[in-house]
Amino acid sequence: MEAADVARVLRQHHFRMTRERRALLDLFIEADTLLTPAQLHAFAQARDVDVGLTTVYRLLEVLTKAGLASPFLLEGSIYYTFCTDHHHHHFICLNCRHVENIYGCSATVEPPPGCTVSYHRVDLFGRCARCRSDVNVTTP
């Protein structure tokens, strides 16, 4: 998804894009791991992006409402990942919080009789290849 497309979607949700918000959004898009709002804020501060924690929460709220971020509740904390506007699912590493998008869809669950489905969400949780290989390494 192009930056102009993201900006257009955010404008549709009445979110004014400032230079600081743009820099924060770029950092969030570039991250390939789940982040809590506090982690995203710390990541921004470490990269000299001067935004408050309130700005982080507001960005994540608008992105979630616009379908451009997905929240995940893990171990009592809410983590977020950036999402494109294309239908996809996620693989989430429970060890390092790495996120991989999965674009194939094999949802075959049937709804109860008389019900209709508006959308679905399928996410896979486990260990990524890197974390699995770290476990298999023997140390002397």
N, C-alpha and C. Protein backbone atom coordinates (compact mmCIF):
# COMPACT_ATOMS: atom_id res chain seq x y z
N MET A 1 0.85 -1.17 0.00
CA MET A 1 0.00 0.00 0.00
C MET A 1 0.90 1.23 0.00
N GLU A 2 0.63 2.12 -0.91
CA GLU A 2 1.43 3.34 -1.06
C GLU A 2 1.11 4.35 0.06
N ALA A 3 2.09 5.19 0.38
CA ALA A 3 1.91 6.20 1.42
C ALA A 3 0.74 7.13 1.11
N ALA A 4 0.56 7.47 -0.17
CA ALA A 4 -0.56 8.34 -0.56
C ALA A 4 -1.90 7.68 -0.28
N ASP A 5 -1.97 6.35 -0.47
CA ASP A 5 -3.21 5.62 -0.19
C ASP A 5 -3.52 5.62 1.30
N VAL A 6 -2.49 5.43 2.11
CA VAL A 6 -2.67 5.46 3.57
C VAL A 6 -3.15 6.85 3.99
N ALA A 7 -2.51 7.88 3.47
CA ALA A 7 -2.90 9.26 3.80
C ALA A 7 -4.34 9.53 3.39
N ARG A 8 -4.75 9.02 2.23
CA ARG A 8 -6.13 9.22 1.76
C ARG A 8 -7.12 8.56 2.71
N VAL A 9 -6.84 7.33 3.11
CA VAL A 9 -7.73 6.62 4.03
C VAL A 9 -7.81 7.36 5.37
N LEU A 10 -6.68 7.84 5.85
CA LEU A 10 -6.69 8.55 7.13
C LEU A 10 -7.45 9.87 7.03
N ARG A 11 -7.35 10.56 5.90
CA ARG A 11 -8.13 11.78 5.70
C ARG A 11 -9.63 11.48 5.72
N GLN A 12 -10.01 10.36 5.15
CA GLN A 12 -11.42 9.96 5.17
C GLN A 12 -11.92 9.75 6.59
N HIS A 13 -11.00 9.44 7.51
CA HIS A 13 -11.35 9.27 8.92
C HIS A 13 -11.06 10.54 9.73
N HIS A 14 -10.93 11.66 9.02
CA HIS A 14 -10.73 12.98 9.63
C HIS A 14 -9.48 13.05 10.50
N PHE A 15 -8.43 12.40 10.03
CA PHE A 15 -7.15 12.40 10.73
C PHE A 15 -6.18 13.28 9.97
N ARG A 16 -5.79 14.38 10.58
CA ARG A 16 -4.87 15.31 9.93
C ARG A 16 -3.45 14.78 10.04
N MET A 17 -2.77 14.70 8.91
CA MET A 17 -1.43 14.14 8.85
C MET A 17 -0.39 15.24 9.03
N THR A 18 0.23 15.29 10.21
CA THR A 18 1.32 16.24 10.46
C THR A 18 2.65 15.56 10.13
N ARG A 19 3.70 16.32 10.14
CA ARG A 19 5.04 15.77 9.86
C ARG A 19 5.40 14.71 10.90
N GLU A 20 5.10 14.98 12.17
CA GLU A 20 5.42 14.03 13.24
C GLU A 20 4.59 12.76 13.12
N ARG A 21 3.29 12.91 12.81
CA ARG A 21 2.44 11.74 12.65
C ARG A 21 2.90 10.90 11.46
N ARG A 22 3.33 11.57 10.40
CA ARG A 22 3.82 10.86 9.21
C ARG A 22 5.06 10.06 9.56
N ALA A 23 5.97 10.65 10.32
CA ALA A 23 7.19 9.96 10.72
C ALA A 23 6.86 8.75 11.61
N LEU A 24 5.91 8.93 12.51
CA LEU A 24 5.48 7.83 13.38
C LEU A 24 4.84 6.72 12.55
N LEU A 25 4.00 7.08 11.62
CA LEU A 25 3.37 6.11 10.74
C LEU A 25 4.41 5.33 9.95
N ASP A 26 5.41 6.01 9.41
CA ASP A 26 6.47 5.35 8.66
C ASP A 26 7.20 4.32 9.52
N LEU A 27 7.47 4.67 10.79
CA LEU A 27 8.14 3.73 11.70
C LEU A 27 7.25 2.51 11.96
N PHE A 28 5.97 2.75 12.15
CA PHE A 28 5.03 1.67 12.42
C PHE A 28 4.94 0.74 11.21
N ILE A 29 4.89 1.31 10.03
CA ILE A 29 4.81 0.50 8.81
C ILE A 29 6.07 -0.34 8.63
N GLU A 30 7.22 0.24 8.96
CA GLU A 30 8.49 -0.46 8.75
C GLU A 30 8.72 -1.58 9.75
N ALA A 31 8.10 -1.51 10.92
CA ALA A 31 8.27 -2.55 11.94
C ALA A 31 7.65 -3.85 11.45
N ASP A 32 8.34 -4.95 11.65
CA ASP A 32 7.78 -6.25 11.25
C ASP A 32 7.45 -7.09 12.47
N THR A 33 7.28 -6.42 13.59
CA THR A 33 6.91 -7.11 14.82
C THR A 33 5.68 -6.43 15.42
N LEU A 34 5.02 -7.16 16.29
CA LEU A 34 3.93 -6.56 17.05
C LEU A 34 4.53 -5.55 18.02
N LEU A 35 3.83 -4.44 18.20
CA LEU A 35 4.30 -3.41 19.13
C LEU A 35 3.15 -2.95 20.01
N THR A 36 3.44 -2.73 21.28
CA THR A 36 2.48 -2.07 22.15
C THR A 36 2.59 -0.57 21.86
N PRO A 37 1.61 0.21 22.26
CA PRO A 37 1.75 1.66 22.09
C PRO A 37 3.01 2.21 22.76
N ALA A 38 3.33 1.71 23.94
CA ALA A 38 4.53 2.17 24.64
C ALA A 38 5.79 1.80 23.87
N GLN A 39 5.82 0.62 23.28
CA GLN A 39 6.99 0.21 22.49
C GLN A 39 7.13 1.04 21.23
N LEU A 40 6.00 1.34 20.58
CA LEU A 40 6.06 2.21 19.39
C LEU A 40 6.54 3.59 19.78
N HIS A 41 6.09 4.10 20.91
CA HIS A 41 6.53 5.41 21.39
C HIS A 41 8.04 5.41 21.65
N ALA A 42 8.53 4.37 22.34
CA ALA A 42 9.97 4.26 22.62
C ALA A 42 10.77 4.13 21.32
N PHE A 43 10.25 3.36 20.37
CA PHE A 43 10.89 3.20 19.06
C PHE A 43 11.00 4.56 18.37
N ALA A 44 9.93 5.34 18.43
CA ALA A 44 9.93 6.68 17.81
C ALA A 44 10.94 7.59 18.50
N GLN A 45 10.95 7.57 19.82
CA GLN A 45 11.90 8.41 20.57
C GLN A 45 13.34 8.05 20.22
N ALA A 46 13.62 6.75 20.10
CA ALA A 46 14.97 6.30 19.76
C ALA A 46 15.38 6.74 18.36
N ARG A 47 14.41 6.97 17.50
CA ARG A 47 14.68 7.42 16.13
C ARG A 47 14.51 8.94 16.00
N ASP A 48 14.47 9.65 17.13
CA ASP A 48 14.35 11.11 17.17
C ASP A 48 13.07 11.63 16.54
N VAL A 49 11.99 10.85 16.66
CA VAL A 49 10.66 11.30 16.24
C VAL A 49 9.96 11.76 17.52
N ASP A 50 9.80 13.06 17.64
CA ASP A 50 9.29 13.66 18.87
C ASP A 50 7.76 13.71 18.86
N VAL A 51 7.14 12.64 19.38
CA VAL A 51 5.69 12.57 19.50
C VAL A 51 5.35 12.12 20.91
N GLY A 52 4.20 12.52 21.38
CA GLY A 52 3.74 12.09 22.69
C GLY A 52 3.04 10.75 22.61
N LEU A 53 2.89 10.12 23.75
CA LEU A 53 2.22 8.83 23.81
C LEU A 53 0.75 8.96 23.37
N THR A 54 0.14 10.10 23.63
CA THR A 54 -1.24 10.33 23.19
C THR A 54 -1.34 10.27 21.67
N THR A 55 -0.35 10.81 20.98
CA THR A 55 -0.32 10.78 19.52
C THR A 55 -0.22 9.34 19.03
N VAL A 56 0.57 8.53 19.71
CA VAL A 56 0.71 7.12 19.35
C VAL A 56 -0.64 6.42 19.48
N TYR A 57 -1.31 6.62 20.61
CA TYR A 57 -2.61 5.98 20.83
C TYR A 57 -3.62 6.45 19.78
N ARG A 58 -3.63 7.72 19.47
CA ARG A 58 -4.59 8.26 18.50
C ARG A 58 -4.33 7.67 17.11
N LEU A 59 -3.07 7.59 16.70
CA LEU A 59 -2.73 7.00 15.40
C LEU A 59 -3.19 5.54 15.34
N LEU A 60 -2.89 4.77 16.38
CA LEU A 60 -3.28 3.36 16.39
C LEU A 60 -4.80 3.20 16.39
N GLU A 61 -5.50 4.08 17.08
CA GLU A 61 -6.96 4.04 17.10
C GLU A 61 -7.53 4.27 15.70
N VAL A 62 -7.04 5.30 15.03
CA VAL A 62 -7.55 5.63 13.69
C VAL A 62 -7.16 4.55 12.69
N LEU A 63 -5.94 4.05 12.76
CA LEU A 63 -5.51 2.98 11.85
C LEU A 63 -6.37 1.73 12.04
N THR A 64 -6.69 1.40 13.29
CA THR A 64 -7.52 0.23 13.56
C THR A 64 -8.92 0.41 13.00
N LYS A 65 -9.51 1.59 13.22
CA LYS A 65 -10.85 1.87 12.69
C LYS A 65 -10.85 1.84 11.17
N ALA A 66 -9.76 2.26 10.56
CA ALA A 66 -9.66 2.29 9.10
C ALA A 66 -9.28 0.94 8.51
N GLY A 67 -9.02 -0.04 9.35
CA GLY A 67 -8.62 -1.36 8.86
C GLY A 67 -7.17 -1.46 8.46
N LEU A 68 -6.35 -0.50 8.92
CA LEU A 68 -4.93 -0.49 8.56
C LEU A 68 -4.03 -0.93 9.70
N ALA A 69 -4.62 -1.36 10.80
CA ALA A 69 -3.87 -1.92 11.92
C ALA A 69 -4.73 -2.99 12.54
N SER A 70 -4.08 -4.02 13.05
CA SER A 70 -4.79 -5.09 13.75
C SER A 70 -4.26 -5.20 15.17
N PRO A 71 -5.17 -5.19 16.14
CA PRO A 71 -4.74 -5.39 17.53
C PRO A 71 -4.76 -6.87 17.90
N PHE A 72 -3.85 -7.26 18.78
CA PHE A 72 -3.78 -8.63 19.28
C PHE A 72 -3.57 -8.57 20.79
N LEU A 73 -4.36 -9.33 21.53
CA LEU A 73 -4.19 -9.42 22.97
C LEU A 73 -3.32 -10.63 23.26
N LEU A 74 -2.13 -10.38 23.76
CA LEU A 74 -1.18 -11.43 24.11
C LEU A 74 -0.67 -11.19 25.52
N GLU A 75 -0.81 -12.19 26.35
CA GLU A 75 -0.29 -12.12 27.72
C GLU A 75 -0.73 -10.86 28.45
N GLY A 76 -1.96 -10.43 28.23
CA GLY A 76 -2.51 -9.30 28.96
C GLY A 76 -2.18 -7.93 28.39
N SER A 77 -1.46 -7.86 27.29
CA SER A 77 -1.12 -6.59 26.67
C SER A 77 -1.67 -6.55 25.25
N ILE A 78 -2.03 -5.36 24.79
CA ILE A 78 -2.51 -5.21 23.42
C ILE A 78 -1.35 -4.76 22.54
N TYR A 79 -1.10 -5.54 21.51
CA TYR A 79 -0.07 -5.28 20.52
C TYR A 79 -0.75 -4.94 19.20
N TYR A 80 -0.04 -4.21 18.35
CA TYR A 80 -0.58 -3.81 17.05
C TYR A 80 0.42 -4.14 15.95
N THR A 81 -0.13 -4.38 14.76
CA THR A 81 0.68 -4.51 13.56
C THR A 81 -0.01 -3.73 12.45
N PHE A 82 0.78 -3.17 11.54
CA PHE A 82 0.23 -2.46 10.39
C PHE A 82 -0.30 -3.48 9.39
N CYS A 83 -1.41 -3.17 8.76
CA CYS A 83 -2.01 -4.05 7.76
C CYS A 83 -2.31 -3.26 6.50
N THR A 84 -2.23 -3.95 5.39
CA THR A 84 -2.66 -3.35 4.13
C THR A 84 -4.17 -3.45 4.04
N ASP A 85 -4.72 -2.87 3.01
CA ASP A 85 -6.17 -2.94 2.84
C ASP A 85 -6.58 -4.19 2.06
N HIS A 86 -5.65 -5.10 1.79
CA HIS A 86 -5.96 -6.35 1.09
C HIS A 86 -6.27 -7.42 2.13
N HIS A 87 -7.23 -8.27 1.82
CA HIS A 87 -7.60 -9.34 2.75
C HIS A 87 -6.39 -10.25 2.99
N HIS A 88 -6.07 -10.45 4.25
CA HIS A 88 -4.98 -11.35 4.60
C HIS A 88 -5.14 -11.80 6.05
N HIS A 89 -4.27 -12.72 6.42
CA HIS A 89 -4.22 -13.25 7.78
C HIS A 89 -2.81 -13.05 8.29
N HIS A 90 -2.54 -13.48 9.51
CA HIS A 90 -1.23 -13.26 10.11
C HIS A 90 -0.66 -14.53 10.72
N PHE A 91 0.67 -14.64 10.65
CA PHE A 91 1.40 -15.57 11.49
C PHE A 91 2.16 -14.71 12.49
N ILE A 92 2.02 -15.01 13.77
CA ILE A 92 2.66 -14.23 14.82
C ILE A 92 3.55 -15.14 15.64
N CYS A 93 4.82 -14.79 15.74
CA CYS A 93 5.75 -15.55 16.55
C CYS A 93 5.53 -15.16 18.01
N LEU A 94 5.24 -16.14 18.84
CA LEU A 94 5.00 -15.88 20.26
C LEU A 94 6.29 -15.61 21.02
N ASN A 95 7.42 -15.87 20.39
CA ASN A 95 8.70 -15.63 21.04
C ASN A 95 9.23 -14.22 20.76
N CYS A 96 9.38 -13.87 19.49
CA CYS A 96 9.98 -12.58 19.13
C CYS A 96 8.96 -11.55 18.63
N ARG A 97 7.69 -11.95 18.51
CA ARG A 97 6.58 -11.08 18.07
C ARG A 97 6.68 -10.67 16.60
N HIS A 98 7.50 -11.39 15.83
CA HIS A 98 7.59 -11.15 14.38
C HIS A 98 6.23 -11.46 13.74
N VAL A 99 5.85 -10.66 12.75
CA VAL A 99 4.57 -10.85 12.07
C VAL A 99 4.82 -11.11 10.59
N GLU A 100 4.17 -12.12 10.07
CA GLU A 100 4.20 -12.40 8.62
C GLU A 100 2.76 -12.34 8.13
N ASN A 101 2.54 -11.64 7.03
CA ASN A 101 1.22 -11.62 6.41
C ASN A 101 1.03 -12.87 5.57
N ILE A 102 -0.16 -13.44 5.62
CA ILE A 102 -0.51 -14.62 4.84
C ILE A 102 -1.66 -14.21 3.92
N TYR A 103 -1.43 -14.24 2.63
CA TYR A 103 -2.43 -13.75 1.69
C TYR A 103 -3.34 -14.83 1.15
N GLY A 104 -3.02 -16.09 1.32
CA GLY A 104 -3.94 -17.14 0.93
C GLY A 104 -5.05 -17.26 1.96
N CYS A 105 -6.21 -17.71 1.54
CA CYS A 105 -7.32 -17.81 2.47
C CYS A 105 -8.00 -19.15 2.29
N SER A 106 -7.98 -19.94 3.36
CA SER A 106 -8.61 -21.25 3.27
C SER A 106 -9.67 -21.42 4.36
N ALA A 107 -10.34 -20.34 4.71
CA ALA A 107 -11.38 -20.41 5.73
C ALA A 107 -12.53 -21.27 5.21
N THR A 108 -12.78 -22.39 5.87
CA THR A 108 -13.83 -23.30 5.42
C THR A 108 -14.88 -23.52 6.50
N VAL A 109 -14.87 -22.74 7.54
CA VAL A 109 -15.83 -22.88 8.63
C VAL A 109 -17.18 -22.35 8.16
N GLU A 110 -18.21 -23.12 8.38
CA GLU A 110 -19.55 -22.72 7.98
C GLU A 110 -20.24 -22.03 9.15
N PRO A 111 -20.96 -20.94 8.90
CA PRO A 111 -21.70 -20.28 9.99
C PRO A 111 -22.91 -21.12 10.40
N PRO A 112 -23.44 -20.87 11.59
CA PRO A 112 -24.65 -21.57 12.02
C PRO A 112 -25.79 -21.32 11.03
N PRO A 113 -26.74 -22.24 10.93
CA PRO A 113 -27.86 -22.07 10.01
C PRO A 113 -28.59 -20.74 10.23
N GLY A 114 -28.87 -20.05 9.13
CA GLY A 114 -29.59 -18.78 9.20
C GLY A 114 -28.71 -17.57 9.44
N CYS A 115 -27.43 -17.78 9.66
CA CYS A 115 -26.50 -16.66 9.92
C CYS A 115 -25.71 -16.35 8.66
N THR A 116 -25.30 -15.10 8.52
CA THR A 116 -24.44 -14.70 7.41
C THR A 116 -23.15 -14.12 7.97
N VAL A 117 -22.09 -14.26 7.23
CA VAL A 117 -20.76 -13.80 7.65
C VAL A 117 -20.46 -12.49 6.94
N SER A 118 -20.07 -11.47 7.70
CA SER A 118 -19.66 -10.18 7.12
C SER A 118 -18.17 -10.16 6.84
N TYR A 119 -17.39 -10.76 7.71
CA TYR A 119 -15.94 -10.87 7.52
C TYR A 119 -15.44 -11.97 8.44
N HIS A 120 -14.18 -12.35 8.27
CA HIS A 120 -13.58 -13.32 9.17
C HIS A 120 -12.13 -12.94 9.43
N ARG A 121 -11.59 -13.56 10.45
CA ARG A 121 -10.20 -13.30 10.82
C ARG A 121 -9.59 -14.62 11.26
N VAL A 122 -8.50 -14.98 10.61
CA VAL A 122 -7.77 -16.20 10.96
C VAL A 122 -6.33 -15.80 11.19
N ASP A 123 -5.83 -16.06 12.38
CA ASP A 123 -4.45 -15.74 12.70
C ASP A 123 -3.79 -16.99 13.28
N LEU A 124 -2.54 -17.18 12.92
CA LEU A 124 -1.77 -18.34 13.38
C LEU A 124 -0.70 -17.87 14.35
N PHE A 125 -0.53 -18.58 15.45
CA PHE A 125 0.44 -18.22 16.48
C PHE A 125 1.37 -19.40 16.70
N GLY A 126 2.67 -19.11 16.83
CA GLY A 126 3.64 -20.17 17.06
C GLY A 126 5.04 -19.59 17.14
N ARG A 127 6.00 -20.32 16.62
CA ARG A 127 7.40 -19.86 16.60
C ARG A 127 7.84 -19.72 15.15
N CYS A 128 8.48 -18.60 14.85
CA CYS A 128 9.00 -18.38 13.50
C CYS A 128 10.22 -19.26 13.27
N ALA A 129 10.66 -19.36 12.03
CA ALA A 129 11.79 -20.21 11.68
C ALA A 129 13.05 -19.80 12.44
N ARG A 130 13.27 -18.49 12.59
CA ARG A 130 14.46 -18.03 13.30
C ARG A 130 14.44 -18.47 14.76
N CYS A 131 13.31 -18.31 15.43
CA CYS A 131 13.21 -18.72 16.84
C CYS A 131 13.27 -20.23 16.99
N ARG A 132 12.71 -20.96 16.03
CA ARG A 132 12.78 -22.42 16.08
C ARG A 132 14.22 -22.89 15.92
N SER A 133 14.99 -22.23 15.05
CA SER A 133 16.39 -22.65 14.85
C SER A 133 17.22 -22.25 16.06
N ASP A 134 16.88 -21.14 16.74
CA ASP A 134 17.61 -20.76 17.95
C ASP A 134 17.43 -21.80 19.05
N VAL A 135 16.26 -22.42 19.13
CA VAL A 135 15.99 -23.45 20.14
C VAL A 135 16.78 -24.70 19.82
N ASN A 136 16.95 -25.00 18.54
CA ASN A 136 17.63 -26.22 18.13
C ASN A 136 19.14 -26.13 18.19
N VAL A 137 19.68 -24.93 18.43
CA VAL A 137 21.14 -24.78 18.50
C VAL A 137 21.62 -25.25 19.86
N THR A 138 22.59 -26.14 19.86
CA THR A 138 23.15 -26.62 21.12
C THR A 138 24.36 -25.77 21.47
N THR A 139 24.46 -25.40 22.72
CA THR A 139 25.60 -24.61 23.17
C THR A 139 26.52 -25.49 24.01
N PRO A 140 27.83 -25.32 23.85
CA PRO A 140 28.78 -26.17 24.59
C PRO A 140 28.78 -25.85 26.06
